[in-house]
Amino acid sequence: MSAASALVMDANTGQVLFARNAHQPRPIASTTKIMTALVAIECGKLYRLATVSPHAAGVEGSSVYLTAGEKLTLEELIYGALMHSGNDACVAIAEHVAGREEVFVNFMNYKAHRLGARNTNFCNTNGLPHDRHLSSAYDLALITRYALKNPVFSRIVATKTHSIAGAKGKRILSNTNKMLWSYQGADGVKTGTTHAAGKCLVSSATRDGRRLIAVVLHSDDRWGESIRLLNYGIEEYANRVVAGKGEAFAAVTIENGVKRSLPVTVDRDVVVTVPVNQGDKIEQNVLLEREVAAPVVPGQEVGKLEVLVEGERVAAAKLITMEGTAELPYHRLLWRQLYSKL
């Protein structure tokens, strides 16, 4: 593999299936626009018209050829940024949402920090070269995993062709991500190229209900290497349901309750990714209270489930009661105590 950094992640579980220099901070070129679009979608109104400033219209590099004074909706600008990698669209987005690009970049860095992207620092909205504008393969996958949960973002990055308003008629956009045409199940995400960053690609694909995210940075063959990473994740790994929300997982003993025990479930579906040809290397650590005092309400937390794959903690969930129970009346409590001594 030629990529300086590479990674493939299961988008459902967040587990990393392959990594190479995944936490190394590197220039990331236009893959920056994943965060630009995410912040715009979360902070702006898609239908609002943005007026393109002379500054935005004059931004160097890849462009959707905006002209000063023209008006486009925020959604149209996001299409231009994600599909056609418009540097000008990114600055127009930032100025519309936050007034100045510098303020918008602060939003981007705050969001990255909140998502746990520890090796990421944005200095602009489009990925133009800057010594301190860096991220990592892992951080990009982390950000992308979150972004793909947003239906607007997910729809735009999966779009092959689209038209938006133009000063002299419609602009026809064709997605720079060739994977959308060449790889089964491909549904995103973003290309990036500068001299410092090399050829980069964050890609995603969904097959049989599983979505995978691949990242290659500074690659000599970003399409081929991304395909190999996605194939590896699809062919060599599978998802397993360890526990389902609403299904009885265990039981907890109740002290002084009308019911002596209550069924317990997990507060969310617990799904993990495991190698397909090495057997299920799944371990479960169940931390359950030995006895819970009545009264108990449905949904009360009584423990925790931790799941390990090949010794690594990959998932966790709260254990909660599926039912409730009242405390025994005093006379019945006395009777139970007497009966237990007979």
Protein backbone atom coordinates (compact mmCIF):
# COMPACT_ATOMS: atom_id res chain seq x y z
CA MET A 1 0.00 0.00 0.00
CA SER A 2 1.39 3.38 -1.04
CA ALA A 3 -0.80 5.57 1.19
CA ALA A 4 1.06 7.37 3.96
CA SER A 5 -1.96 6.82 6.19
CA ALA A 6 -4.89 4.46 5.73
CA LEU A 7 -7.81 3.05 7.67
CA VAL A 8 -11.05 1.16 7.26
CA MET A 9 -13.79 1.44 9.89
CA ASP A 10 -17.16 -0.20 10.35
CA ALA A 11 -19.55 2.75 10.44
CA ASN A 12 -22.14 0.88 12.50
CA THR A 13 -19.89 -0.19 15.35
CA GLY A 14 -17.06 2.33 15.00
CA GLN A 15 -14.48 -0.46 15.11
CA VAL A 16 -11.25 -0.02 13.17
CA LEU A 17 -10.59 -3.10 11.00
CA PHE A 18 -7.28 -2.00 9.47
CA ALA A 19 -5.02 0.95 10.23
CA ARG A 20 -1.72 2.32 9.01
CA ASN A 21 -0.35 5.48 10.64
CA ALA A 22 -3.97 6.21 11.46
CA HIS A 23 -3.30 8.82 14.15
CA GLN A 24 -0.52 10.66 12.32
CA PRO A 25 -1.47 14.33 11.71
CA ARG A 26 -1.22 15.10 7.99
CA PRO A 27 -2.44 17.64 5.41
CA ILE A 28 -5.88 16.53 4.23
CA ALA A 29 -6.70 18.86 1.30
CA SER A 30 -10.40 19.00 0.35
CA THR A 31 -11.48 16.19 2.67
CA THR A 32 -11.69 19.21 5.00
CA LYS A 33 -15.03 19.95 3.33
CA ILE A 34 -16.65 17.04 5.17
CA MET A 35 -16.51 19.12 8.34
CA THR A 36 -17.38 22.35 6.51
CA ALA A 37 -20.58 20.78 5.19
CA LEU A 38 -21.43 19.14 8.51
CA VAL A 39 -21.18 22.42 10.45
CA ALA A 40 -23.16 24.25 7.76
CA ILE A 41 -25.97 21.68 7.86
CA GLU A 42 -26.14 21.72 11.65
CA CYS A 43 -25.83 25.48 12.12
CA GLY A 44 -27.51 26.97 9.05
CA LYS A 45 -30.89 26.93 7.31
CA LEU A 46 -30.64 25.05 4.02
CA TYR A 47 -33.29 27.16 2.27
CA ARG A 48 -31.80 30.56 3.20
CA LEU A 49 -30.25 32.58 0.38
CA ALA A 50 -26.58 33.47 0.69
CA THR A 51 -25.06 36.39 -1.16
CA VAL A 52 -21.62 35.62 -2.57
CA SER A 53 -19.00 38.18 -1.51
CA PRO A 54 -16.13 39.35 -3.75
CA HIS A 55 -13.76 37.59 -1.35
CA ALA A 56 -15.57 34.24 -1.72
CA ALA A 57 -15.81 34.59 -5.49
CA GLY A 58 -12.06 35.21 -5.74
CA VAL A 59 -10.85 32.19 -3.74
CA GLU A 60 -8.11 30.24 -5.52
CA GLY A 61 -8.16 26.59 -6.54
CA SER A 62 -11.06 24.30 -7.40
CA SER A 63 -14.22 26.27 -7.96
CA VAL A 64 -17.89 26.27 -8.89
CA TYR A 65 -17.24 29.68 -10.47
CA LEU A 66 -19.28 31.85 -8.14
CA THR A 67 -19.62 35.52 -9.02
CA ALA A 68 -19.78 38.38 -6.54
CA GLY A 69 -23.33 39.38 -5.71
CA GLU A 70 -25.10 36.26 -6.93
CA LYS A 71 -27.44 34.46 -4.55
CA LEU A 72 -27.67 30.73 -3.89
CA THR A 73 -29.30 28.76 -1.12
CA LEU A 74 -27.06 27.32 1.56
CA GLU A 75 -27.99 23.85 0.33
CA GLU A 76 -26.82 24.68 -3.20
CA LEU A 77 -23.50 25.89 -1.82
CA ILE A 78 -23.10 22.66 0.15
CA TYR A 79 -23.70 20.66 -3.04
CA GLY A 80 -21.02 22.76 -4.71
CA ALA A 81 -18.58 22.17 -1.87
CA LEU A 82 -19.07 18.42 -1.48
CA MET A 83 -19.72 17.33 -5.06
CA HIS A 84 -17.49 19.65 -7.07
CA SER A 85 -15.05 20.59 -4.28
CA GLY A 86 -15.68 24.31 -4.69
CA ASN A 87 -13.28 26.31 -2.53
CA ASP A 88 -15.32 29.41 -3.32
CA ALA A 89 -18.51 27.67 -2.14
CA CYS A 90 -16.85 26.85 1.19
CA VAL A 91 -15.96 30.47 1.90
CA ALA A 92 -19.45 31.58 0.86
CA ILE A 93 -20.90 29.02 3.26
CA ALA A 94 -18.71 30.24 6.11
CA GLU A 95 -19.51 33.91 5.55
CA HIS A 96 -23.23 33.19 5.32
CA VAL A 97 -23.39 31.05 8.48
CA ALA A 98 -20.85 32.81 10.70
CA GLY A 99 -20.13 36.21 9.12
CA ARG A 100 -16.42 35.51 8.66
CA GLU A 101 -14.51 32.40 7.65
CA GLU A 102 -12.33 32.63 10.78
CA VAL A 103 -15.38 32.38 13.04
CA PHE A 104 -16.75 29.42 11.08
CA VAL A 105 -13.39 27.65 11.38
CA ASN A 106 -13.69 28.00 15.15
CA PHE A 107 -17.00 26.14 14.89
CA MET A 108 -15.25 23.40 12.89
CA ASN A 109 -12.52 22.97 15.48
CA TYR A 110 -15.02 22.94 18.33
CA LYS A 111 -17.03 20.24 16.58
CA ALA A 112 -13.90 18.19 15.93
CA HIS A 113 -12.98 18.41 19.60
CA ARG A 114 -16.48 17.34 20.67
CA LEU A 115 -16.30 14.32 18.38
CA GLY A 116 -12.95 13.24 19.85
CA ALA A 117 -10.80 14.15 16.83
CA ARG A 118 -7.67 14.82 18.87
CA ASN A 119 -5.21 15.16 15.98
CA THR A 120 -7.25 17.64 13.96
CA ASN A 121 -6.82 21.38 13.54
CA PHE A 122 -8.58 23.37 10.85
CA CYS A 123 -7.28 26.74 9.63
CA ASN A 124 -9.67 27.21 6.70
CA THR A 125 -12.87 25.74 5.27
CA ASN A 126 -11.55 24.21 2.09
CA GLY A 127 -8.20 22.54 2.77
CA LEU A 128 -5.94 24.97 0.96
CA PRO A 129 -2.34 24.48 2.18
CA HIS A 130 -1.52 25.75 5.66
CA ASP A 131 1.22 24.42 7.96
CA ARG A 132 -1.18 23.90 10.88
CA HIS A 133 -4.17 22.62 8.88
CA LEU A 134 -3.96 18.92 9.74
CA SER A 135 -5.99 15.84 10.55
CA SER A 136 -5.49 12.07 10.60
CA ALA A 137 -7.02 9.05 8.90
CA TYR A 138 -8.71 8.04 12.16
CA ASP A 139 -10.08 11.52 12.84
CA LEU A 140 -11.48 11.80 9.31
CA ALA A 141 -13.20 8.43 9.71
CA LEU A 142 -14.57 9.51 13.10
CA ILE A 143 -15.94 12.78 11.67
CA THR A 144 -17.34 11.02 8.62
CA ARG A 145 -19.05 8.34 10.70
CA TYR A 146 -20.88 11.07 12.59
CA ALA A 147 -21.65 13.08 9.44
CA LEU A 148 -23.14 10.09 7.61
CA LYS A 149 -25.81 9.83 10.31
CA ASN A 150 -27.14 13.15 9.03
CA PRO A 151 -29.60 12.41 6.19
CA VAL A 152 -28.83 15.65 4.33
CA PHE A 153 -25.09 15.05 4.35
CA SER A 154 -25.56 11.38 3.45
CA ARG A 155 -27.82 12.28 0.51
CA ILE A 156 -25.46 14.88 -0.94
CA VAL A 157 -22.26 12.80 -0.79
CA ALA A 158 -24.05 9.91 -2.54
CA THR A 159 -25.25 12.14 -5.43
CA LYS A 160 -23.54 11.57 -8.77
CA THR A 161 -24.83 14.59 -10.71
CA HIS A 162 -26.84 17.62 -9.65
CA SER A 163 -27.68 21.10 -10.89
CA ILE A 164 -27.60 24.31 -8.87
CA ALA A 165 -28.29 27.93 -9.72
CA GLY A 166 -25.80 29.89 -11.81
CA ALA A 167 -25.36 33.51 -12.81
CA LYS A 168 -25.94 32.52 -16.46
CA GLY A 169 -28.16 29.48 -16.06
CA LYS A 170 -27.78 26.18 -14.24
CA ARG A 171 -24.45 24.82 -13.05
CA ILE A 172 -24.24 21.08 -13.70
CA LEU A 173 -22.20 19.36 -11.00
CA SER A 174 -20.54 15.97 -11.38
CA ASN A 175 -19.23 14.34 -8.22
CA THR A 176 -15.42 14.14 -8.09
CA ASN A 177 -15.71 10.80 -6.26
CA LYS A 178 -15.33 8.19 -9.03
CA MET A 179 -16.16 5.41 -6.55
CA LEU A 180 -19.84 6.26 -6.94
CA TRP A 181 -19.71 4.93 -10.50
CA SER A 182 -17.23 2.10 -10.11
CA TYR A 183 -17.81 0.35 -6.78
CA GLN A 184 -20.89 -1.63 -5.75
CA GLY A 185 -22.65 0.03 -2.83
CA ALA A 186 -20.48 3.17 -2.87
CA ASP A 187 -22.35 6.07 -1.23
CA GLY A 188 -19.75 8.75 -0.42
CA VAL A 189 -17.74 10.68 0.57
CA LYS A 190 -15.02 13.17 -0.52
CA THR A 191 -11.84 13.52 -2.54
CA GLY A 192 -8.90 15.80 -1.82
CA THR A 193 -5.71 16.75 -3.67
CA THR A 194 -2.90 19.21 -3.00
CA HIS A 195 0.87 18.94 -3.42
CA ALA A 196 1.36 18.68 0.35
CA ALA A 197 -1.50 16.25 0.99
CA GLY A 198 -1.11 14.18 -2.16
CA LYS A 199 -4.15 12.34 -3.46
CA CYS A 200 -6.62 11.67 -0.65
CA LEU A 201 -9.99 9.95 -0.47
CA VAL A 202 -12.56 9.32 2.21
CA SER A 203 -14.99 6.75 0.82
CA SER A 204 -17.97 4.82 2.09
CA ALA A 205 -19.95 1.84 0.87
CA THR A 206 -22.97 -0.08 2.12
CA ARG A 207 -23.63 -3.77 1.47
CA ASP A 208 -26.04 -6.13 3.21
CA GLY A 209 -26.87 -3.50 5.80
CA ARG A 210 -23.22 -2.84 6.73
CA ARG A 211 -21.59 0.50 6.02
CA LEU A 212 -17.83 0.85 5.88
CA ILE A 213 -15.64 3.95 5.77
CA ALA A 214 -12.19 3.90 4.14
CA VAL A 215 -9.58 6.66 4.32
CA VAL A 216 -6.37 6.96 2.31
CA LEU A 217 -4.06 9.98 2.61
CA HIS A 218 -1.20 10.76 0.21
CA SER A 219 -1.87 7.71 -1.95
CA ASP A 220 -0.44 6.85 -5.37
CA ASP A 221 -3.62 4.89 -6.13
CA ARG A 222 -6.45 6.26 -4.02
CA TRP A 223 -9.19 4.46 -5.99
CA GLY A 224 -7.55 1.04 -6.00
CA GLU A 225 -6.36 1.22 -2.41
CA SER A 226 -9.78 2.38 -1.21
CA ILE A 227 -11.43 -0.51 -3.04
CA ARG A 228 -9.04 -2.99 -1.44
CA LEU A 229 -9.71 -1.56 2.02
CA LEU A 230 -13.48 -1.72 1.56
CA ASN A 231 -13.29 -5.25 0.14
CA TYR A 232 -11.20 -6.30 3.13
CA GLY A 233 -13.76 -4.95 5.58
CA ILE A 234 -16.67 -6.52 3.73
CA GLU A 235 -15.12 -9.94 3.08
CA GLU A 236 -13.09 -10.53 6.23
CA TYR A 237 -15.46 -9.16 8.89
CA ALA A 238 -19.10 -9.49 9.87
CA ASN A 239 -21.34 -7.86 12.46
CA ARG A 240 -22.78 -9.84 15.35
CA VAL A 241 -25.64 -8.83 17.63
CA VAL A 242 -24.57 -9.46 21.22
CA ALA A 243 -27.73 -8.13 22.86
CA GLY A 244 -30.87 -6.48 21.56
CA LYS A 245 -32.70 -3.59 23.16
CA GLY A 246 -36.03 -4.80 24.57
CA GLU A 247 -34.91 -8.43 24.75
CA ALA A 248 -34.38 -10.09 28.13
CA PHE A 249 -30.64 -10.36 28.75
CA ALA A 250 -30.47 -11.28 32.45
CA ALA A 251 -32.45 -11.00 35.69
CA VAL A 252 -31.84 -9.05 38.85
CA THR A 253 -32.92 -10.01 42.37
CA ILE A 254 -35.24 -7.54 44.11
CA GLU A 255 -35.04 -6.89 47.83
CA ASN A 256 -38.43 -6.47 49.56
CA GLY A 257 -40.31 -6.22 46.27
CA VAL A 258 -43.69 -7.58 45.28
CA LYS A 259 -41.73 -9.32 42.52
CA ARG A 260 -38.69 -11.24 43.69
CA SER A 261 -36.77 -10.68 40.43
CA LEU A 262 -37.05 -8.57 37.29
CA PRO A 263 -35.87 -9.13 33.73
CA VAL A 264 -33.09 -6.87 32.54
CA THR A 265 -32.29 -5.64 29.02
CA VAL A 266 -29.72 -3.36 27.39
CA ASP A 267 -30.50 0.31 26.76
CA ARG A 268 -29.45 0.00 23.11
CA ASP A 269 -28.65 -2.70 20.57
CA VAL A 270 -25.13 -3.99 21.11
CA VAL A 271 -23.50 -4.93 17.81
CA VAL A 272 -19.82 -5.75 17.30
CA THR A 273 -17.64 -6.50 14.30
CA VAL A 274 -15.69 -9.78 14.32
CA PRO A 275 -13.38 -11.63 11.90
CA VAL A 276 -15.40 -14.15 9.87
CA ASN A 277 -12.80 -16.92 9.65
CA GLN A 278 -11.40 -16.90 13.17
CA GLY A 279 -14.45 -17.81 15.19
CA ASP A 280 -16.30 -15.49 17.52
CA LYS A 281 -13.71 -13.95 19.78
CA ILE A 282 -16.35 -12.16 21.82
CA GLU A 283 -16.10 -11.79 25.59
CA GLN A 284 -18.78 -10.30 27.81
CA ASN A 285 -18.27 -8.60 31.15
CA VAL A 286 -21.61 -8.35 32.93
CA LEU A 287 -21.61 -6.02 35.93
CA LEU A 288 -25.00 -6.48 37.58
CA GLU A 289 -26.09 -5.38 41.04
CA ARG A 290 -26.45 -8.38 43.30
CA GLU A 291 -29.71 -7.13 44.77
CA VAL A 292 -31.81 -4.01 44.13
CA ALA A 293 -34.07 -2.54 46.80
CA ALA A 294 -37.75 -2.02 45.94
CA PRO A 295 -39.47 0.03 44.69
CA VAL A 296 -38.04 -0.32 41.17
CA VAL A 297 -39.26 1.50 38.07
CA PRO A 298 -39.05 0.31 34.44
CA GLY A 299 -35.84 1.47 32.79
CA GLN A 300 -33.91 1.75 36.05
CA GLU A 301 -30.18 1.24 35.60
CA VAL A 302 -28.95 -1.82 37.48
CA GLY A 303 -25.68 -2.65 35.78
CA LYS A 304 -23.47 -2.49 32.73
CA LEU A 305 -22.44 -4.75 29.86
CA GLU A 306 -18.97 -4.51 28.33
CA VAL A 307 -18.04 -6.40 25.16
CA LEU A 308 -14.50 -7.26 24.15
CA VAL A 309 -13.29 -8.59 20.79
CA GLU A 310 -9.82 -10.14 20.78
CA GLY A 311 -9.27 -8.62 24.22
CA GLU A 312 -10.15 -5.06 23.18
CA ARG A 313 -13.18 -3.24 24.62
CA VAL A 314 -15.34 -2.35 21.62
CA ALA A 315 -18.85 -1.77 22.98
CA ALA A 316 -20.76 -1.08 26.18
CA ALA A 317 -24.35 -0.59 27.25
CA LYS A 318 -26.34 0.07 30.39
CA LEU A 319 -28.40 -2.77 31.85
CA ILE A 320 -31.91 -1.57 32.70
CA THR A 321 -35.01 -3.16 34.17
CA MET A 322 -37.75 -4.14 31.73
CA GLU A 323 -40.45 -3.91 34.40
CA GLY A 324 -41.03 -2.23 37.73
CA THR A 325 -42.23 -3.47 41.08
CA ALA A 326 -43.61 -1.92 44.24
CA GLU A 327 -42.24 -2.46 47.72
CA LEU A 328 -44.05 -5.11 49.74
CA PRO A 329 -46.55 -3.76 52.30
CA TYR A 330 -45.22 -4.05 55.83
CA HIS A 331 -47.50 -6.94 56.84
CA ARG A 332 -46.54 -8.97 53.78
CA LEU A 333 -42.89 -8.24 54.39
CA LEU A 334 -43.22 -9.61 57.93
CA TRP A 335 -45.02 -12.68 56.66
CA ARG A 336 -42.29 -13.32 54.04
CA GLN A 337 -39.59 -13.00 56.69
CA LEU A 338 -41.41 -15.40 59.04
CA TYR A 339 -42.10 -17.88 56.26
CA SER A 340 -38.46 -17.90 55.19
CA LYS A 341 -37.43 -18.94 58.73
CA LEU A 342 -39.82 -21.90 58.91
